[in-house]
Every structure is written in structure tokens, then in C-alpha cells.
């Protein structure tokens, strides 16, 4: 296990999020899933997910290097987009389902998957729970890439797991880098 992977597993363990999980990986695609119970009502979780992406997404995983350039237009046909220098822009994903407090889904290939023959579906399912909201994030990717997707699945999972951890910390504390302390 690399130092980076070990650090990510440790961070997830203290964040309340389930450990990173590649549910399935094959040459033609993969599925990754993360789940956590967040100490906030579904309304707050949904609002932060859709309206405040620039406050919790890690700028290291953007084209511009600045997460404040990200936005999500949370309606069917809306864009998860990023402003780039000189008036440029990139569409990371397209919103296909926006059901406040319940379900949010976007399609597209994140990061380097965009330049492959990949199609992806990123779903956030919100369920009211006694301690707040259970949030389940599932990213299903299929298509073609040279060498197959099974080698990319752990890398994509690590990045999405990190974003998921940052999101849960942001909702609960107002800071994406605040990790919960061990009990």
C-alpha cells in the first residue's frame, strides 16, 4: 500500500465515510461507491452538493487549479462546469436528474476519462437518517479505453473518495479539510 493510499484510508476512517470501494472493475468499465451519514438534514446536504461545489471540491483536481471556478446548474440539462483562463470553459458532467433532498445524477467522464470512450453516471442518493442524512455516491463508468478500465478504477476511486470526504467535512464543519477526530 502506498503512503498516499494509506493516508486516504486513514482520512476516510476518521471522516465518517465508508472506506473507498471499487465495487466492480473490468476491461469495459467499473463501479465505485462511497457512503456516509452526515450530521445535517437532507436540505443542507443537497444545497451544499449542488450550490457550493467550489467550496468543497479540491482545486488540485480542476483544470484551472481553482475550485472557485466550478459551478453546478442543478436542473436537468444543467452543467457541472469550470471557467478557464481567457474565457475558456469545460463541461465536466451534465445534470440528468435533480430531485432536491432525494437524488442527484450527472453523466460524463471526469478528469482523464473525458478523453476516452467512457460514459459515466455519478449518482448521489440522500436518505433521511436519525443522525442526519445518509449519502450514497455511486459512479458507474463503461466504454472503451486503451488497456482497459480496471487499472483506472482504483485511481478514480481514490480521487472521488477524497472529494466525498471533503464534502462530508464541509457540510458538517464548514471546512472541507476538517477531519473528524477518532472517538
C-alpha atoms as a PDB file:
ATOM      1  CA  UNK A   1       0.000   0.000   0.000  1.00  0.00           C
ATOM      2  CA  UNK A   2       1.433   3.394  -0.979  1.00  0.00           C
ATOM      3  CA  UNK A   3       1.804   6.225   1.517  1.00  0.00           C
ATOM      4  CA  UNK A   4      -0.898   8.174  -0.351  1.00  0.00           C
ATOM      5  CA  UNK A   5      -3.328   5.245  -0.242  1.00  0.00           C
ATOM      6  CA  UNK A   6      -2.653   4.689   3.454  1.00  0.00           C
ATOM      7  CA  UNK A   7      -3.245   8.376   4.170  1.00  0.00           C
ATOM      8  CA  UNK A   8      -6.532   8.291   2.232  1.00  0.00           C
ATOM      9  CA  UNK A   9      -7.751   5.201   4.104  1.00  0.00           C
ATOM     10  CA  UNK A  10      -6.862   6.857   7.426  1.00  0.00           C
ATOM     11  CA  UNK A  11      -8.626  10.079   6.433  1.00  0.00           C
ATOM     12  CA  UNK A  12     -11.743   8.168   5.415  1.00  0.00           C
ATOM     13  CA  UNK A  13     -11.743   6.231   8.676  1.00  0.00           C
ATOM     14  CA  UNK A  14     -11.871   9.466  10.664  1.00  0.00           C
ATOM     15  CA  UNK A  15     -14.361  11.227   8.392  1.00  0.00           C
ATOM     16  CA  UNK A  16     -17.387   9.013   8.980  1.00  0.00           C
ATOM     17  CA  UNK A  17     -17.247   7.876   5.358  1.00  0.00           C
ATOM     18  CA  UNK A  18     -17.077   4.230   4.397  1.00  0.00           C
ATOM     19  CA  UNK A  19     -13.676   3.133   3.086  1.00  0.00           C
ATOM     20  CA  UNK A  20     -13.043   3.565  -0.615  1.00  0.00           C
ATOM     21  CA  UNK A  21     -14.752   0.827  -2.555  1.00  0.00           C
ATOM     22  CA  UNK A  22     -14.288  -0.349  -6.109  1.00  0.00           C
ATOM     23  CA  UNK A  23     -17.437  -2.440  -6.293  1.00  0.00           C
ATOM     24  CA  UNK A  24     -16.609  -3.925  -9.696  1.00  0.00           C
ATOM     25  CA  UNK A  25     -13.854  -3.460 -12.286  1.00  0.00           C
ATOM     26  CA  UNK A  26     -13.458  -4.997 -15.727  1.00  0.00           C
ATOM     27  CA  UNK A  27     -11.794  -4.036 -19.014  1.00  0.00           C
ATOM     28  CA  UNK A  28     -15.029  -2.374 -20.203  1.00  0.00           C
ATOM     29  CA  UNK A  29     -15.872  -0.427 -17.025  1.00  0.00           C
ATOM     30  CA  UNK A  30     -16.105  -0.125 -13.272  1.00  0.00           C
ATOM     31  CA  UNK A  31     -18.305   0.938 -10.359  1.00  0.00           C
ATOM     32  CA  UNK A  32     -17.147   2.815  -7.270  1.00  0.00           C
ATOM     33  CA  UNK A  33     -19.287   3.564  -4.238  1.00  0.00           C
ATOM     34  CA  UNK A  34     -18.928   5.626  -1.060  1.00  0.00           C
ATOM     35  CA  UNK A  35     -21.424   6.130   1.756  1.00  0.00           C
ATOM     36  CA  UNK A  36     -21.541   8.213   4.924  1.00  0.00           C
ATOM     37  CA  UNK A  37     -24.048   9.514   7.419  1.00  0.00           C
ATOM     38  CA  UNK A  38     -23.700  13.274   7.604  1.00  0.00           C
ATOM     39  CA  UNK A  39     -24.826  15.215  10.677  1.00  0.00           C
ATOM     40  CA  UNK A  40     -27.078  17.561   8.691  1.00  0.00           C
ATOM     41  CA  UNK A  41     -30.595  17.452   7.249  1.00  0.00           C
ATOM     42  CA  UNK A  42     -31.120  16.426   3.587  1.00  0.00           C
ATOM     43  CA  UNK A  43     -31.917  20.041   2.593  1.00  0.00           C
ATOM     44  CA  UNK A  44     -28.482  21.239   3.752  1.00  0.00           C
ATOM     45  CA  UNK A  45     -26.665  18.274   2.176  1.00  0.00           C
ATOM     46  CA  UNK A  46     -28.401  18.748  -1.184  1.00  0.00           C
ATOM     47  CA  UNK A  47     -27.796  22.512  -1.179  1.00  0.00           C
ATOM     48  CA  UNK A  48     -24.080  22.089  -0.421  1.00  0.00           C
ATOM     49  CA  UNK A  49     -23.732  19.378  -3.054  1.00  0.00           C
ATOM     50  CA  UNK A  50     -25.339  21.389  -5.820  1.00  0.00           C
ATOM     51  CA  UNK A  51     -24.782  25.046  -4.923  1.00  0.00           C
ATOM     52  CA  UNK A  52     -21.419  25.082  -3.155  1.00  0.00           C
ATOM     53  CA  UNK A  53     -19.178  22.746  -5.165  1.00  0.00           C
ATOM     54  CA  UNK A  54     -16.477  25.429  -5.388  1.00  0.00           C
ATOM     55  CA  UNK A  55     -16.181  25.460  -1.595  1.00  0.00           C
ATOM     56  CA  UNK A  56     -15.536  21.744  -1.046  1.00  0.00           C
ATOM     57  CA  UNK A  57     -14.069  20.347  -4.284  1.00  0.00           C
ATOM     58  CA  UNK A  58     -10.268  20.070  -4.224  1.00  0.00           C
ATOM     59  CA  UNK A  59      -8.758  22.634  -6.588  1.00  0.00           C
ATOM     60  CA  UNK A  60      -5.912  20.198  -7.342  1.00  0.00           C
ATOM     61  CA  UNK A  61      -8.499  18.204  -9.319  1.00  0.00           C
ATOM     62  CA  UNK A  62      -9.564  21.030 -11.619  1.00  0.00           C
ATOM     63  CA  UNK A  63      -8.169  22.275 -14.921  1.00  0.00           C
ATOM     64  CA  UNK A  64      -7.818  25.849 -13.638  1.00  0.00           C
ATOM     65  CA  UNK A  65      -6.291  24.878 -10.295  1.00  0.00           C
ATOM     66  CA  UNK A  66      -9.019  26.868  -8.515  1.00  0.00           C
ATOM     67  CA  UNK A  67     -12.209  25.173  -7.287  1.00  0.00           C
ATOM     68  CA  UNK A  68     -13.984  28.537  -7.085  1.00  0.00           C
ATOM     69  CA  UNK A  69     -14.213  28.328 -10.894  1.00  0.00           C
ATOM     70  CA  UNK A  70     -16.593  25.341 -10.577  1.00  0.00           C
ATOM     71  CA  UNK A  71     -20.374  25.555 -10.696  1.00  0.00           C
ATOM     72  CA  UNK A  72     -23.337  23.226 -10.983  1.00  0.00           C
ATOM     73  CA  UNK A  73     -26.612  24.298 -12.600  1.00  0.00           C
ATOM     74  CA  UNK A  74     -28.800  21.857 -10.638  1.00  0.00           C
ATOM     75  CA  UNK A  75     -31.557  21.158 -13.141  1.00  0.00           C
ATOM     76  CA  UNK A  76     -31.976  18.580 -15.889  1.00  0.00           C
ATOM     77  CA  UNK A  77     -29.698  19.642 -18.739  1.00  0.00           C
ATOM     78  CA  UNK A  78     -27.608  21.769 -16.374  1.00  0.00           C
ATOM     79  CA  UNK A  79     -23.840  21.822 -16.414  1.00  0.00           C
ATOM     80  CA  UNK A  80     -21.161  20.897 -13.888  1.00  0.00           C
ATOM     81  CA  UNK A  81     -18.754  23.352 -15.473  1.00  0.00           C
ATOM     82  CA  UNK A  82     -15.489  25.155 -14.850  1.00  0.00           C
ATOM     83  CA  UNK A  83     -14.352  28.566 -16.035  1.00  0.00           C
ATOM     84  CA  UNK A  84     -10.889  28.584 -17.614  1.00  0.00           C
ATOM     85  CA  UNK A  85      -8.454  31.376 -18.437  1.00  0.00           C
ATOM     86  CA  UNK A  86      -9.020  33.602 -21.478  1.00  0.00           C
ATOM     87  CA  UNK A  87     -12.781  32.970 -21.484  1.00  0.00           C
ATOM     88  CA  UNK A  88     -12.447  29.203 -21.805  1.00  0.00           C
ATOM     89  CA  UNK A  89     -14.639  26.611 -20.119  1.00  0.00           C
ATOM     90  CA  UNK A  90     -15.050  22.890 -19.661  1.00  0.00           C
ATOM     91  CA  UNK A  91     -18.128  20.769 -19.057  1.00  0.00           C
ATOM     92  CA  UNK A  92     -17.171  18.075 -16.570  1.00  0.00           C
ATOM     93  CA  UNK A  93     -20.623  16.482 -16.440  1.00  0.00           C
ATOM     94  CA  UNK A  94     -24.242  17.066 -17.475  1.00  0.00           C
ATOM     95  CA  UNK A  95     -27.083  17.035 -14.934  1.00  0.00           C
ATOM     96  CA  UNK A  96     -29.720  14.450 -15.854  1.00  0.00           C
ATOM     97  CA  UNK A  97     -31.707  14.241 -12.597  1.00  0.00           C
ATOM     98  CA  UNK A  98     -32.156  16.861  -9.885  1.00  0.00           C
ATOM     99  CA  UNK A  99     -34.622  15.861  -7.182  1.00  0.00           C
ATOM    100  CA  UNK A 100     -33.987  18.105  -4.172  1.00  0.00           C
ATOM    101  CA  UNK A 101     -33.313  16.341  -0.859  1.00  0.00           C
ATOM    102  CA  UNK A 102     -33.507  12.897  -2.543  1.00  0.00           C
ATOM    103  CA  UNK A 103     -31.438  12.226  -5.642  1.00  0.00           C
ATOM    104  CA  UNK A 104     -28.924  13.988  -7.877  1.00  0.00           C
ATOM    105  CA  UNK A 105     -27.348  12.456 -11.010  1.00  0.00           C
ATOM    106  CA  UNK A 106     -24.881  13.666 -13.612  1.00  0.00           C
ATOM    107  CA  UNK A 107     -23.405  11.929 -16.642  1.00  0.00           C
ATOM    108  CA  UNK A 108     -19.964  12.209 -18.180  1.00  0.00           C
ATOM    109  CA  UNK A 109     -16.345  11.220 -17.810  1.00  0.00           C
ATOM    110  CA  UNK A 110     -14.497  13.019 -15.028  1.00  0.00           C
ATOM    111  CA  UNK A 111     -10.897  14.136 -15.468  1.00  0.00           C
ATOM    112  CA  UNK A 112      -8.868  11.959 -17.834  1.00  0.00           C
ATOM    113  CA  UNK A 113     -11.917   9.774 -18.538  1.00  0.00           C
ATOM    114  CA  UNK A 114     -13.255  12.608 -20.690  1.00  0.00           C
ATOM    115  CA  UNK A 115     -10.699  11.871 -23.419  1.00  0.00           C
ATOM    116  CA  UNK A 116     -11.535   8.174 -23.565  1.00  0.00           C
ATOM    117  CA  UNK A 117     -14.572   6.415 -24.978  1.00  0.00           C
ATOM    118  CA  UNK A 118     -16.113   6.416 -21.493  1.00  0.00           C
ATOM    119  CA  UNK A 119     -19.664   7.102 -20.452  1.00  0.00           C
ATOM    120  CA  UNK A 120     -20.213   7.649 -16.735  1.00  0.00           C
ATOM    121  CA  UNK A 121     -23.128   8.136 -14.372  1.00  0.00           C
ATOM    122  CA  UNK A 122     -22.482   9.784 -10.976  1.00  0.00           C
ATOM    123  CA  UNK A 123     -25.415   9.416  -8.567  1.00  0.00           C
ATOM    124  CA  UNK A 124     -25.900  10.917  -5.111  1.00  0.00           C
ATOM    125  CA  UNK A 125     -28.722   9.340  -3.112  1.00  0.00           C
ATOM    126  CA  UNK A 126     -29.851  11.151   0.044  1.00  0.00           C
ATOM    127  CA  UNK A 127     -31.833   9.340   2.731  1.00  0.00           C
ATOM    128  CA  UNK A 128     -33.044  10.903   5.954  1.00  0.00           C
ATOM    129  CA  UNK A 129     -31.445   9.178   8.947  1.00  0.00           C
ATOM    130  CA  UNK A 130     -31.747   9.608  12.741  1.00  0.00           C
ATOM    131  CA  UNK A 131     -28.271  11.175  12.836  1.00  0.00           C
ATOM    132  CA  UNK A 132     -28.881  13.400   9.782  1.00  0.00           C
ATOM    133  CA  UNK A 133     -28.579  12.227   6.176  1.00  0.00           C
ATOM    134  CA  UNK A 134     -27.137   9.064   4.723  1.00  0.00           C
ATOM    135  CA  UNK A 135     -25.419   9.999   1.467  1.00  0.00           C
ATOM    136  CA  UNK A 136     -24.504   7.307  -1.036  1.00  0.00           C
ATOM    137  CA  UNK A 137     -22.327   8.241  -4.024  1.00  0.00           C
ATOM    138  CA  UNK A 138     -22.038   5.774  -6.911  1.00  0.00           C
ATOM    139  CA  UNK A 139     -20.023   6.313 -10.107  1.00  0.00           C
ATOM    140  CA  UNK A 140     -20.559   3.773 -12.881  1.00  0.00           C
ATOM    141  CA  UNK A 141     -18.257   4.026 -15.917  1.00  0.00           C
ATOM    142  CA  UNK A 142     -18.362   1.981 -19.103  1.00  0.00           C
ATOM    143  CA  UNK A 143     -16.950   2.150 -22.605  1.00  0.00           C
ATOM    144  CA  UNK A 144     -13.501   1.811 -24.072  1.00  0.00           C
ATOM    145  CA  UNK A 145     -10.030   2.941 -23.072  1.00  0.00           C
ATOM    146  CA  UNK A 146      -6.656   1.614 -24.164  1.00  0.00           C
ATOM    147  CA  UNK A 147      -5.532  -1.036 -21.688  1.00  0.00           C
ATOM    148  CA  UNK A 148      -8.960  -1.362 -20.049  1.00  0.00           C
ATOM    149  CA  UNK A 149     -10.677   0.388 -17.165  1.00  0.00           C
ATOM    150  CA  UNK A 150      -9.747  -2.000 -14.364  1.00  0.00           C
ATOM    151  CA  UNK A 151      -6.408  -0.210 -13.863  1.00  0.00           C
ATOM    152  CA  UNK A 152      -8.091   3.203 -13.724  1.00  0.00           C
ATOM    153  CA  UNK A 153     -10.797   2.204 -11.236  1.00  0.00           C
ATOM    154  CA  UNK A 154      -8.638   2.475  -8.067  1.00  0.00           C
ATOM    155  CA  UNK A 155      -7.282   5.864  -9.177  1.00  0.00           C
ATOM    156  CA  UNK A 156     -10.733   7.274  -9.909  1.00  0.00           C
ATOM    157  CA  UNK A 157     -11.980   5.811  -6.634  1.00  0.00           C
ATOM    158  CA  UNK A 158      -9.174   7.497  -4.668  1.00  0.00           C
ATOM    159  CA  UNK A 159      -9.959  10.908  -6.190  1.00  0.00           C
ATOM    160  CA  UNK A 160     -13.726  10.577  -5.743  1.00  0.00           C
ATOM    161  CA  UNK A 161     -13.235   9.213  -2.231  1.00  0.00           C
ATOM    162  CA  UNK A 162     -11.176  12.270  -1.373  1.00  0.00           C
ATOM    163  CA  UNK A 163     -13.859  14.592  -2.803  1.00  0.00           C
ATOM    164  CA  UNK A 164     -16.538  12.690  -0.860  1.00  0.00           C
ATOM    165  CA  UNK A 165     -14.556  13.061   2.363  1.00  0.00           C
ATOM    166  CA  UNK A 166     -14.031  16.780   1.717  1.00  0.00           C
ATOM    167  CA  UNK A 167     -17.755  17.175   1.053  1.00  0.00           C
ATOM    168  CA  UNK A 168     -18.874  15.449   4.255  1.00  0.00           C
ATOM    169  CA  UNK A 169     -16.392  17.516   6.301  1.00  0.00           C
ATOM    170  CA  UNK A 170     -17.570  20.723   4.610  1.00  0.00           C
ATOM    171  CA  UNK A 171     -21.248  20.059   5.330  1.00  0.00           C
ATOM    172  CA  UNK A 172     -20.595  19.213   8.975  1.00  0.00           C
ATOM    173  CA  UNK A 173     -17.924  21.803   9.822  1.00  0.00           C
ATOM    174  CA  UNK A 174     -17.847  24.432   7.082  1.00  0.00           C
ATOM    175  CA  UNK A 175     -14.300  23.355   6.153  1.00  0.00           C
ATOM    176  CA  UNK A 176     -13.506  20.648   3.576  1.00  0.00           C
ATOM    177  CA  UNK A 177     -10.202  19.882   5.248  1.00  0.00           C
ATOM    178  CA  UNK A 178     -11.582  19.335   8.761  1.00  0.00           C
ATOM    179  CA  UNK A 179     -11.478  15.642   9.601  1.00  0.00           C
ATOM    180  CA  UNK A 180     -13.424  14.155  12.490  1.00  0.00           C
ATOM    181  CA  UNK A 181     -11.348  13.068  15.437  1.00  0.00           C
ATOM    182  CA  UNK A 182     -11.297   9.433  16.411  1.00  0.00           C
ATOM    183  CA  UNK A 183     -13.772   8.536  19.194  1.00  0.00           C
END
